[in-house]
C-alpha cells in the first residue's frame, strides 16, 4: 500500500530514525525526524504531521511528556510509543496516558508499518508486544 501520510519519528538514536525513515519512505510515506521531544514539538508546529512514532526514553523530554503536549494541541494525531525498557510497565503506562499504540523494541519494520497503518484509521488502538 502506497501512502502519502506525513510521519514524525522521534528517537535520540539517529541510526534508528534513519532506518525507519528510509523504510517508510519506500512505501510513499513522507517522514520527518526529531532527536527529542523539544525538536518534535517544533516540527509539529511547522509541519502537517499525521502520525507520531516516539521513543519513551529520551533526553530533555521523555515520550510520555511529549505525548501529553501533542495530545493537548493536536488531539486527533495518533501516537505510537516505542521502547525497549520495562516493556509490560511501559505498555500499561502508554495506554493509560493516551497512546494509540505501543511497539516494543526490537521490532520488525513491517510490524511498525502495520501499526502506523492501523492507527491512521480513525478509532483503532493497536499493541504489538514481544
N, C-alpha and C. Protein backbone atom coordinates (compact mmCIF):
# COMPACT_ATOMS: atom_id res chain seq x y z
N UNK A 1 0.84 -1.18 0.00
CA UNK A 1 0.00 0.00 0.00
C UNK A 1 0.89 1.25 0.00
N UNK A 2 0.66 2.14 -0.92
CA UNK A 2 1.42 3.38 -1.01
C UNK A 2 0.65 4.45 -0.23
N UNK A 3 1.37 5.21 0.57
CA UNK A 3 0.74 6.24 1.38
C UNK A 3 1.45 7.56 1.18
N UNK A 4 0.74 8.63 1.39
CA UNK A 4 1.38 9.94 1.35
C UNK A 4 1.31 10.62 2.72
N UNK A 5 1.00 9.84 3.74
CA UNK A 5 0.91 10.40 5.09
C UNK A 5 2.27 10.90 5.56
N UNK A 6 2.23 11.94 6.40
CA UNK A 6 3.45 12.53 6.94
C UNK A 6 3.64 11.99 8.36
N UNK A 7 4.72 11.26 8.56
CA UNK A 7 5.02 10.61 9.83
C UNK A 7 6.19 11.32 10.49
N UNK A 8 6.11 11.52 11.80
CA UNK A 8 7.22 12.07 12.57
C UNK A 8 7.80 10.96 13.43
N UNK A 9 9.10 10.68 13.26
CA UNK A 9 9.80 9.68 14.06
C UNK A 9 10.66 10.42 15.07
N UNK A 10 10.46 10.14 16.37
CA UNK A 10 11.17 10.84 17.43
C UNK A 10 11.96 9.81 18.24
N UNK A 11 13.28 9.91 18.17
CA UNK A 11 14.14 9.00 18.92
C UNK A 11 15.52 9.61 18.99
N UNK A 12 16.19 9.45 20.12
CA UNK A 12 17.55 10.00 20.25
C UNK A 12 18.59 9.17 19.51
N UNK A 13 18.21 8.02 18.98
CA UNK A 13 19.10 7.22 18.16
C UNK A 13 18.92 7.61 16.69
N UNK A 14 19.87 8.38 16.17
CA UNK A 14 19.77 8.80 14.77
C UNK A 14 19.81 7.62 13.83
N UNK A 15 20.58 6.58 14.18
CA UNK A 15 20.63 5.39 13.32
C UNK A 15 19.24 4.79 13.16
N UNK A 16 18.52 4.66 14.27
CA UNK A 16 17.19 4.08 14.22
C UNK A 16 16.23 4.97 13.43
N UNK A 17 16.25 6.27 13.67
CA UNK A 17 15.33 7.15 12.94
C UNK A 17 15.60 7.09 11.44
N UNK A 18 16.86 7.01 11.05
CA UNK A 18 17.18 6.94 9.61
C UNK A 18 16.72 5.63 9.00
N UNK A 19 16.89 4.52 9.71
CA UNK A 19 16.44 3.22 9.20
C UNK A 19 14.92 3.23 9.02
N UNK A 20 14.20 3.71 10.04
CA UNK A 20 12.74 3.76 9.95
C UNK A 20 12.31 4.70 8.83
N UNK A 21 12.92 5.87 8.75
CA UNK A 21 12.56 6.85 7.72
C UNK A 21 12.79 6.29 6.32
N UNK A 22 13.92 5.64 6.10
CA UNK A 22 14.21 5.06 4.79
C UNK A 22 13.20 3.97 4.44
N UNK A 23 12.89 3.12 5.42
CA UNK A 23 11.93 2.04 5.18
C UNK A 23 10.55 2.60 4.84
N UNK A 24 10.05 3.52 5.65
CA UNK A 24 8.72 4.07 5.40
C UNK A 24 8.69 4.87 4.10
N UNK A 25 9.80 5.52 3.77
CA UNK A 25 9.88 6.27 2.52
C UNK A 25 9.69 5.38 1.30
N UNK A 26 10.12 4.12 1.40
CA UNK A 26 9.93 3.18 0.28
C UNK A 26 8.46 2.91 0.02
N UNK A 27 7.62 3.16 1.01
CA UNK A 27 6.18 2.93 0.88
C UNK A 27 5.41 4.23 0.64
N UNK A 28 6.14 5.29 0.33
CA UNK A 28 5.49 6.55 -0.02
C UNK A 28 5.19 7.47 1.14
N UNK A 29 5.56 7.08 2.35
CA UNK A 29 5.35 7.97 3.49
C UNK A 29 6.34 9.13 3.41
N UNK A 30 5.88 10.30 3.78
CA UNK A 30 6.77 11.44 3.97
C UNK A 30 7.17 11.39 5.43
N UNK A 31 8.48 11.41 5.71
CA UNK A 31 8.95 11.21 7.07
C UNK A 31 9.83 12.36 7.52
N UNK A 32 9.54 12.87 8.70
CA UNK A 32 10.40 13.83 9.38
C UNK A 32 10.93 13.15 10.61
N UNK A 33 12.10 13.60 11.09
CA UNK A 33 12.67 13.01 12.29
C UNK A 33 13.02 14.09 13.30
N UNK A 34 13.04 13.69 14.55
CA UNK A 34 13.43 14.59 15.64
C UNK A 34 14.21 13.78 16.66
N UNK A 35 15.19 14.43 17.30
CA UNK A 35 16.05 13.76 18.28
C UNK A 35 15.46 13.70 19.67
N UNK A 36 14.52 14.59 19.96
CA UNK A 36 13.91 14.62 21.29
C UNK A 36 12.56 15.31 21.21
N UNK A 37 11.90 15.38 22.37
CA UNK A 37 10.56 15.97 22.42
C UNK A 37 10.51 17.43 22.03
N UNK A 38 11.52 18.19 22.41
CA UNK A 38 11.52 19.62 22.06
C UNK A 38 11.59 19.81 20.55
N UNK A 39 12.48 19.07 19.89
CA UNK A 39 12.57 19.15 18.43
C UNK A 39 11.27 18.66 17.78
N UNK A 40 10.67 17.65 18.37
CA UNK A 40 9.41 17.11 17.84
C UNK A 40 8.30 18.15 17.89
N UNK A 41 8.20 18.88 19.01
CA UNK A 41 7.16 19.91 19.12
C UNK A 41 7.37 21.02 18.10
N UNK A 42 8.62 21.39 17.85
CA UNK A 42 8.90 22.39 16.81
C UNK A 42 8.42 21.89 15.46
N UNK A 43 8.68 20.63 15.17
CA UNK A 43 8.23 20.04 13.92
C UNK A 43 6.70 20.00 13.84
N UNK A 44 6.05 19.63 14.92
CA UNK A 44 4.59 19.58 14.96
C UNK A 44 3.99 20.95 14.66
N UNK A 45 4.65 22.00 15.13
CA UNK A 45 4.14 23.36 14.93
C UNK A 45 4.39 23.89 13.52
N UNK A 46 5.32 23.29 12.80
CA UNK A 46 5.64 23.82 11.47
C UNK A 46 5.24 22.89 10.32
N UNK A 47 4.91 21.64 10.61
CA UNK A 47 4.56 20.66 9.59
C UNK A 47 3.17 20.10 9.86
N UNK A 48 2.57 19.52 8.83
CA UNK A 48 1.28 18.84 8.99
C UNK A 48 1.55 17.35 9.23
N UNK A 49 1.83 17.01 10.48
CA UNK A 49 2.16 15.64 10.86
C UNK A 49 0.87 14.87 11.08
N UNK A 50 0.81 13.65 10.54
CA UNK A 50 -0.41 12.86 10.65
C UNK A 50 -0.29 11.67 11.60
N UNK A 51 0.93 11.23 11.89
CA UNK A 51 1.17 10.17 12.87
C UNK A 51 2.53 10.44 13.50
N UNK A 52 2.62 10.25 14.82
CA UNK A 52 3.88 10.40 15.54
C UNK A 52 4.29 9.03 16.09
N UNK A 53 5.56 8.67 15.85
CA UNK A 53 6.16 7.47 16.43
C UNK A 53 7.28 7.98 17.33
N UNK A 54 7.18 7.74 18.64
CA UNK A 54 8.15 8.31 19.56
C UNK A 54 8.68 7.28 20.55
N UNK A 55 9.99 7.34 20.77
CA UNK A 55 10.60 6.57 21.84
C UNK A 55 10.09 7.15 23.17
N UNK A 56 10.10 6.35 24.21
CA UNK A 56 9.69 6.84 25.52
C UNK A 56 10.87 7.48 26.25
N UNK A 57 12.03 6.82 26.23
CA UNK A 57 13.19 7.29 26.99
C UNK A 57 14.10 8.12 26.10
N UNK A 58 14.07 9.45 26.30
CA UNK A 58 14.89 10.38 25.53
C UNK A 58 15.35 11.50 26.46
N UNK A 59 16.46 12.15 26.11
CA UNK A 59 16.91 13.28 26.93
C UNK A 59 15.99 14.49 26.74
N UNK A 60 16.06 15.42 27.64
CA UNK A 60 15.34 16.69 27.63
C UNK A 60 13.83 16.55 27.81
N UNK A 61 13.18 15.65 27.11
CA UNK A 61 11.74 15.46 27.26
C UNK A 61 11.42 14.01 26.89
N UNK A 62 10.82 13.26 27.82
CA UNK A 62 10.52 11.87 27.51
C UNK A 62 9.27 11.75 26.63
N UNK A 63 9.05 10.55 26.14
CA UNK A 63 7.94 10.32 25.22
C UNK A 63 6.57 10.53 25.85
N UNK A 64 6.43 10.24 27.15
CA UNK A 64 5.14 10.46 27.81
C UNK A 64 4.81 11.95 27.87
N UNK A 65 5.80 12.76 28.22
CA UNK A 65 5.59 14.21 28.28
C UNK A 65 5.29 14.75 26.89
N UNK A 66 6.05 14.28 25.90
CA UNK A 66 5.80 14.69 24.51
C UNK A 66 4.38 14.33 24.10
N UNK A 67 3.96 13.12 24.40
CA UNK A 67 2.61 12.69 24.04
C UNK A 67 1.56 13.60 24.66
N UNK A 68 1.74 13.97 25.92
CA UNK A 68 0.78 14.87 26.58
C UNK A 68 0.71 16.21 25.89
N UNK A 69 1.87 16.75 25.50
CA UNK A 69 1.91 18.04 24.79
C UNK A 69 1.21 17.94 23.44
N UNK A 70 1.48 16.86 22.72
CA UNK A 70 0.87 16.69 21.39
C UNK A 70 -0.63 16.50 21.52
N UNK A 71 -1.06 15.62 22.44
CA UNK A 71 -2.50 15.35 22.61
C UNK A 71 -3.26 16.61 23.02
N UNK A 72 -2.62 17.50 23.79
CA UNK A 72 -3.28 18.74 24.21
C UNK A 72 -3.51 19.67 23.02
N UNK A 73 -2.57 19.72 22.11
CA UNK A 73 -2.67 20.67 20.99
C UNK A 73 -3.20 20.03 19.71
N UNK A 74 -2.91 18.75 19.51
CA UNK A 74 -3.32 18.03 18.29
C UNK A 74 -3.97 16.71 18.70
N UNK A 75 -5.16 16.76 19.29
CA UNK A 75 -5.76 15.55 19.88
C UNK A 75 -6.07 14.43 18.89
N UNK A 76 -6.18 14.74 17.62
CA UNK A 76 -6.53 13.70 16.64
C UNK A 76 -5.32 13.04 16.00
N UNK A 77 -4.12 13.51 16.33
CA UNK A 77 -2.91 12.90 15.76
C UNK A 77 -2.60 11.63 16.54
N UNK A 78 -2.61 10.47 15.87
CA UNK A 78 -2.28 9.23 16.57
C UNK A 78 -0.81 9.20 16.98
N UNK A 79 -0.56 8.59 18.14
CA UNK A 79 0.80 8.49 18.66
C UNK A 79 1.11 7.03 18.97
N UNK A 80 2.24 6.57 18.41
CA UNK A 80 2.75 5.23 18.65
C UNK A 80 4.00 5.39 19.51
N UNK A 81 3.98 4.81 20.72
CA UNK A 81 5.15 4.86 21.59
C UNK A 81 5.96 3.59 21.43
N UNK A 82 7.29 3.74 21.42
CA UNK A 82 8.18 2.60 21.31
C UNK A 82 9.20 2.63 22.45
N UNK A 83 9.59 1.46 22.93
CA UNK A 83 10.63 1.39 23.96
C UNK A 83 11.15 -0.02 24.08
N UNK A 84 12.31 -0.13 24.66
CA UNK A 84 12.89 -1.43 24.96
C UNK A 84 13.04 -1.62 26.46
N UNK A 85 12.60 -0.66 27.27
CA UNK A 85 12.75 -0.70 28.72
C UNK A 85 11.45 -1.10 29.40
N UNK A 86 11.52 -1.97 30.38
CA UNK A 86 10.37 -2.35 31.22
C UNK A 86 9.09 -2.42 30.40
N UNK A 87 9.07 -3.32 29.46
CA UNK A 87 8.03 -3.33 28.44
C UNK A 87 6.61 -3.43 29.01
N UNK A 88 6.33 -4.35 29.93
CA UNK A 88 4.96 -4.50 30.41
C UNK A 88 4.50 -3.25 31.16
N UNK A 89 5.37 -2.68 31.97
CA UNK A 89 5.01 -1.46 32.69
C UNK A 89 4.86 -0.28 31.72
N UNK A 90 5.78 -0.17 30.78
CA UNK A 90 5.72 0.92 29.81
C UNK A 90 4.46 0.84 28.95
N UNK A 91 4.09 -0.37 28.56
CA UNK A 91 2.89 -0.54 27.74
C UNK A 91 1.65 -0.09 28.50
N UNK A 92 1.54 -0.51 29.76
CA UNK A 92 0.38 -0.09 30.56
C UNK A 92 0.34 1.43 30.70
N UNK A 93 1.48 2.03 31.04
CA UNK A 93 1.54 3.48 31.16
C UNK A 93 1.20 4.17 29.84
N UNK A 94 1.71 3.62 28.74
CA UNK A 94 1.46 4.22 27.43
C UNK A 94 -0.04 4.31 27.15
N UNK A 95 -0.74 3.20 27.35
CA UNK A 95 -2.18 3.20 27.08
C UNK A 95 -2.95 4.01 28.12
N UNK A 96 -2.54 3.95 29.38
CA UNK A 96 -3.20 4.75 30.42
C UNK A 96 -3.10 6.24 30.12
N UNK A 97 -1.99 6.65 29.52
CA UNK A 97 -1.77 8.07 29.24
C UNK A 97 -2.25 8.51 27.86
N UNK A 98 -2.83 7.60 27.09
CA UNK A 98 -3.45 8.01 25.84
C UNK A 98 -2.77 7.63 24.56
N UNK A 99 -1.76 6.75 24.62
CA UNK A 99 -1.11 6.32 23.38
C UNK A 99 -2.12 5.55 22.52
N UNK A 100 -1.97 5.69 21.23
CA UNK A 100 -2.83 4.96 20.30
C UNK A 100 -2.28 3.57 20.03
N UNK A 101 -0.97 3.40 20.22
CA UNK A 101 -0.34 2.10 20.03
C UNK A 101 0.98 2.06 20.78
N UNK A 102 1.47 0.85 20.98
CA UNK A 102 2.74 0.64 21.67
C UNK A 102 3.48 -0.46 20.92
N UNK A 103 4.76 -0.23 20.66
CA UNK A 103 5.58 -1.22 19.98
C UNK A 103 6.85 -1.41 20.79
N UNK A 104 7.14 -2.67 21.12
CA UNK A 104 8.33 -2.99 21.91
C UNK A 104 9.54 -3.14 21.00
N UNK A 105 10.68 -2.59 21.47
CA UNK A 105 11.95 -2.80 20.76
C UNK A 105 12.54 -4.12 21.25
N UNK A 106 13.20 -4.87 20.43
CA UNK A 106 13.36 -4.63 18.99
C UNK A 106 12.09 -5.03 18.25
N UNK A 107 11.83 -4.38 17.16
CA UNK A 107 10.65 -4.67 16.35
C UNK A 107 11.06 -4.82 14.90
N UNK A 108 10.19 -5.46 14.15
CA UNK A 108 10.41 -5.59 12.72
C UNK A 108 9.79 -4.37 12.05
N UNK A 109 10.47 -3.85 11.06
CA UNK A 109 9.98 -2.64 10.38
C UNK A 109 8.59 -2.85 9.80
N UNK A 110 8.32 -4.02 9.29
CA UNK A 110 6.99 -4.29 8.72
C UNK A 110 5.91 -4.25 9.81
N UNK A 111 6.26 -4.68 11.03
CA UNK A 111 5.30 -4.61 12.14
C UNK A 111 5.00 -3.15 12.47
N UNK A 112 6.04 -2.32 12.52
CA UNK A 112 5.83 -0.91 12.81
C UNK A 112 4.97 -0.27 11.72
N UNK A 113 5.26 -0.59 10.47
CA UNK A 113 4.46 -0.05 9.35
C UNK A 113 3.00 -0.46 9.49
N UNK A 114 2.76 -1.71 9.87
CA UNK A 114 1.39 -2.19 10.05
C UNK A 114 0.67 -1.42 11.17
N UNK A 115 1.38 -1.17 12.27
CA UNK A 115 0.80 -0.41 13.37
C UNK A 115 0.49 1.02 12.92
N UNK A 116 1.39 1.64 12.19
CA UNK A 116 1.16 3.00 11.68
C UNK A 116 -0.07 3.03 10.79
N UNK A 117 -0.20 2.04 9.92
CA UNK A 117 -1.38 1.97 9.05
C UNK A 117 -2.65 1.80 9.87
N UNK A 118 -2.59 0.99 10.92
CA UNK A 118 -3.76 0.75 11.77
C UNK A 118 -4.21 2.01 12.50
N UNK A 119 -3.25 2.73 13.12
CA UNK A 119 -3.64 3.92 13.87
C UNK A 119 -4.04 5.06 12.96
N UNK A 120 -3.64 4.98 11.69
CA UNK A 120 -4.03 6.02 10.74
C UNK A 120 -5.51 5.95 10.44
N UNK A 121 -6.11 4.78 10.67
CA UNK A 121 -7.55 4.63 10.51
C UNK A 121 -8.19 5.04 11.83
N UNK A 122 -9.15 5.93 11.76
CA UNK A 122 -9.75 6.53 12.96
C UNK A 122 -10.27 5.48 13.94
N UNK A 123 -9.92 5.68 15.21
CA UNK A 123 -10.50 4.89 16.28
C UNK A 123 -9.88 3.53 16.55
N UNK A 124 -8.75 3.22 15.93
CA UNK A 124 -8.15 1.92 16.15
C UNK A 124 -6.99 2.03 17.13
N UNK A 125 -6.98 1.17 18.14
CA UNK A 125 -5.86 1.10 19.08
C UNK A 125 -5.20 -0.25 18.90
N UNK A 126 -3.88 -0.25 18.79
CA UNK A 126 -3.13 -1.46 18.50
C UNK A 126 -1.97 -1.62 19.45
N UNK A 127 -1.68 -2.82 19.82
CA UNK A 127 -0.48 -3.09 20.63
C UNK A 127 0.32 -4.20 19.96
N UNK A 128 1.59 -4.02 19.88
CA UNK A 128 2.49 -5.05 19.40
C UNK A 128 3.45 -5.34 20.53
N UNK A 129 3.55 -6.61 20.91
CA UNK A 129 4.44 -6.97 22.02
C UNK A 129 5.36 -8.08 21.59
N UNK A 130 6.48 -8.14 22.27
CA UNK A 130 7.42 -9.25 22.09
C UNK A 130 7.53 -9.97 23.41
